[in-house]
Amino acid sequence: MHAHISVQELAARVAALEAEVESLEKEVESLKKESGEHEDAEAIVKSYIKLRPRYNEIKDAIQILTGKLATLKEMTVRQMLDDLD
């Protein structure tokens, strides 16, 4: 059984997930700046490993929601992505 979600709710969820991705990207940039050139490769890799799974989860959720939104609007995912810019 599928829950019915309005286009507006899907769009709001996509926007919230995109904001979370942007926040994570800013956090990564902040970590890079804080570390400067003195951080060793191992610390950089650990930081990346820590943040990457969450980023991937969010990206996957956005793709799923975009697909559902495209289906509801009877358009292709490509058209939906173009509309969402």
C-alpha atoms as a PDB file:
ATOM      1  CA  MET A   1       0.000   0.000   0.000  1.00  0.00           C
ATOM      2  CA  HIS A   2       1.420   3.357  -1.018  1.00  0.00           C
ATOM      3  CA  ALA A   3       0.916   6.540   0.911  1.00  0.00           C
ATOM      4  CA  HIS A   4      -0.438   9.382  -1.160  1.00  0.00           C
ATOM      5  CA  ILE A   5       1.753  12.450  -0.999  1.00  0.00           C
ATOM      6  CA  SER A   6       0.878  15.686  -2.703  1.00  0.00           C
ATOM      7  CA  VAL A   7       3.159  17.332  -5.212  1.00  0.00           C
ATOM      8  CA  GLN A   8       3.659  20.178  -2.768  1.00  0.00           C
ATOM      9  CA  GLU A   9       4.715  17.788  -0.007  1.00  0.00           C
ATOM     10  CA  LEU A  10       7.159  16.048  -2.336  1.00  0.00           C
ATOM     11  CA  ALA A  11       8.563  19.377  -3.496  1.00  0.00           C
ATOM     12  CA  ALA A  12       8.951  20.496   0.130  1.00  0.00           C
ATOM     13  CA  ARG A  13      10.741  17.239   1.001  1.00  0.00           C
ATOM     14  CA  VAL A  14      13.063  17.609  -1.995  1.00  0.00           C
ATOM     15  CA  ALA A  15      13.836  21.185  -0.959  1.00  0.00           C
ATOM     16  CA  ALA A  16      14.554  20.099   2.623  1.00  0.00           C
ATOM     17  CA  LEU A  17      16.881  17.325   1.446  1.00  0.00           C
ATOM     18  CA  GLU A  18      18.661  19.674  -0.949  1.00  0.00           C
ATOM     19  CA  ALA A  19      19.161  22.114   1.936  1.00  0.00           C
ATOM     20  CA  GLU A  20      20.634  19.292   4.020  1.00  0.00           C
ATOM     21  CA  VAL A  21      23.001  18.353   1.185  1.00  0.00           C
ATOM     22  CA  GLU A  22      24.068  21.991   0.907  1.00  0.00           C
ATOM     23  CA  SER A  23      24.649  22.102   4.666  1.00  0.00           C
ATOM     24  CA  LEU A  24      26.796  18.957   4.515  1.00  0.00           C
ATOM     25  CA  GLU A  25      28.776  20.352   1.599  1.00  0.00           C
ATOM     26  CA  LYS A  26      29.410  23.539   3.602  1.00  0.00           C
ATOM     27  CA  GLU A  27      30.491  21.418   6.565  1.00  0.00           C
ATOM     28  CA  VAL A  28      32.975  19.574   4.363  1.00  0.00           C
ATOM     29  CA  GLU A  29      34.334  22.884   3.043  1.00  0.00           C
ATOM     30  CA  SER A  30      34.583  24.194   6.594  1.00  0.00           C
ATOM     31  CA  LEU A  31      36.511  21.116   7.662  1.00  0.00           C
ATOM     32  CA  LYS A  32      38.843  21.579   4.719  1.00  0.00           C
ATOM     33  CA  LYS A  33      39.495  25.218   5.646  1.00  0.00           C
ATOM     34  CA  GLU A  34      39.977  24.421   9.345  1.00  0.00           C
ATOM     35  CA  SER A  35      42.468  21.719   8.561  1.00  0.00           C
ATOM     36  CA  GLY A  36      44.607  23.901   6.356  1.00  0.00           C
ATOM     37  CA  GLU A  37      47.666  22.412   4.762  1.00  0.00           C
ATOM     38  CA  HIS A  38      48.852  20.809   8.000  1.00  0.00           C
ATOM     39  CA  GLU A  39      46.257  18.048   8.029  1.00  0.00           C
ATOM     40  CA  ASP A  40      47.599  14.710   6.943  1.00  0.00           C
ATOM     41  CA  ALA A  41      46.036  12.520   4.290  1.00  0.00           C
ATOM     42  CA  GLU A  42      44.694  10.041   6.836  1.00  0.00           C
ATOM     43  CA  ALA A  43      42.653  12.728   8.614  1.00  0.00           C
ATOM     44  CA  ILE A  44      41.235  13.944   5.302  1.00  0.00           C
ATOM     45  CA  VAL A  45      40.201  10.424   4.355  1.00  0.00           C
ATOM     46  CA  LYS A  46      38.571   9.834   7.762  1.00  0.00           C
ATOM     47  CA  SER A  47      36.603  13.066   7.427  1.00  0.00           C
ATOM     48  CA  TYR A  48      35.464  12.124   3.933  1.00  0.00           C
ATOM     49  CA  ILE A  49      34.483   8.612   5.010  1.00  0.00           C
ATOM     50  CA  LYS A  50      32.468  10.015   7.907  1.00  0.00           C
ATOM     51  CA  LEU A  51      30.425  12.415   5.773  1.00  0.00           C
ATOM     52  CA  ARG A  52      30.076  10.552   2.470  1.00  0.00           C
ATOM     53  CA  PRO A  53      27.457   7.909   3.477  1.00  0.00           C
ATOM     54  CA  ARG A  54      25.050  10.566   4.746  1.00  0.00           C
ATOM     55  CA  TYR A  55      25.528  12.617   1.597  1.00  0.00           C
ATOM     56  CA  ASN A  56      24.798   9.523  -0.525  1.00  0.00           C
ATOM     57  CA  GLU A  57      21.632   8.743   1.475  1.00  0.00           C
ATOM     58  CA  ILE A  58      20.344  12.258   0.940  1.00  0.00           C
ATOM     59  CA  LYS A  59      21.235  12.229  -2.756  1.00  0.00           C
ATOM     60  CA  ASP A  60      19.446   8.876  -3.225  1.00  0.00           C
ATOM     61  CA  ALA A  61      16.352  10.152  -1.401  1.00  0.00           C
ATOM     62  CA  ILE A  62      16.264  13.244  -3.605  1.00  0.00           C
ATOM     63  CA  GLN A  63      16.462  11.059  -6.726  1.00  0.00           C
ATOM     64  CA  ILE A  64      13.595   8.865  -5.497  1.00  0.00           C
ATOM     65  CA  LEU A  65      11.422  11.851  -4.630  1.00  0.00           C
ATOM     66  CA  THR A  66      12.215  13.547  -7.927  1.00  0.00           C
ATOM     67  CA  GLY A  67      11.142  10.393  -9.760  1.00  0.00           C
ATOM     68  CA  LYS A  68       7.880  10.222  -7.826  1.00  0.00           C
ATOM     69  CA  LEU A  69       7.231  13.916  -8.400  1.00  0.00           C
ATOM     70  CA  ALA A  70       7.880  13.456 -12.137  1.00  0.00           C
ATOM     71  CA  THR A  71       5.423  10.556 -12.193  1.00  0.00           C
ATOM     72  CA  LEU A  72       2.765  12.618 -10.436  1.00  0.00           C
ATOM     73  CA  LYS A  73       3.275  15.467 -12.897  1.00  0.00           C
ATOM     74  CA  GLU A  74       3.337  13.002 -15.811  1.00  0.00           C
ATOM     75  CA  MET A  75       6.745  14.105 -17.042  1.00  0.00           C
ATOM     76  CA  THR A  76      10.141  12.508 -17.405  1.00  0.00           C
ATOM     77  CA  VAL A  77      12.751  12.744 -14.670  1.00  0.00           C
ATOM     78  CA  ARG A  78      14.918  14.791 -17.064  1.00  0.00           C
ATOM     79  CA  GLN A  79      12.069  17.295 -17.553  1.00  0.00           C
ATOM     80  CA  MET A  80      11.543  17.389 -13.792  1.00  0.00           C
ATOM     81  CA  LEU A  81      15.223  18.056 -13.156  1.00  0.00           C
ATOM     82  CA  ASP A  82      15.222  20.792 -15.786  1.00  0.00           C
ATOM     83  CA  ASP A  83      12.159  22.360 -14.097  1.00  0.00           C
ATOM     84  CA  LEU A  84      13.854  22.176 -10.684  1.00  0.00           C
ATOM     85  CA  ASP A  85      17.075  23.607 -12.177  1.00  0.00           C
END
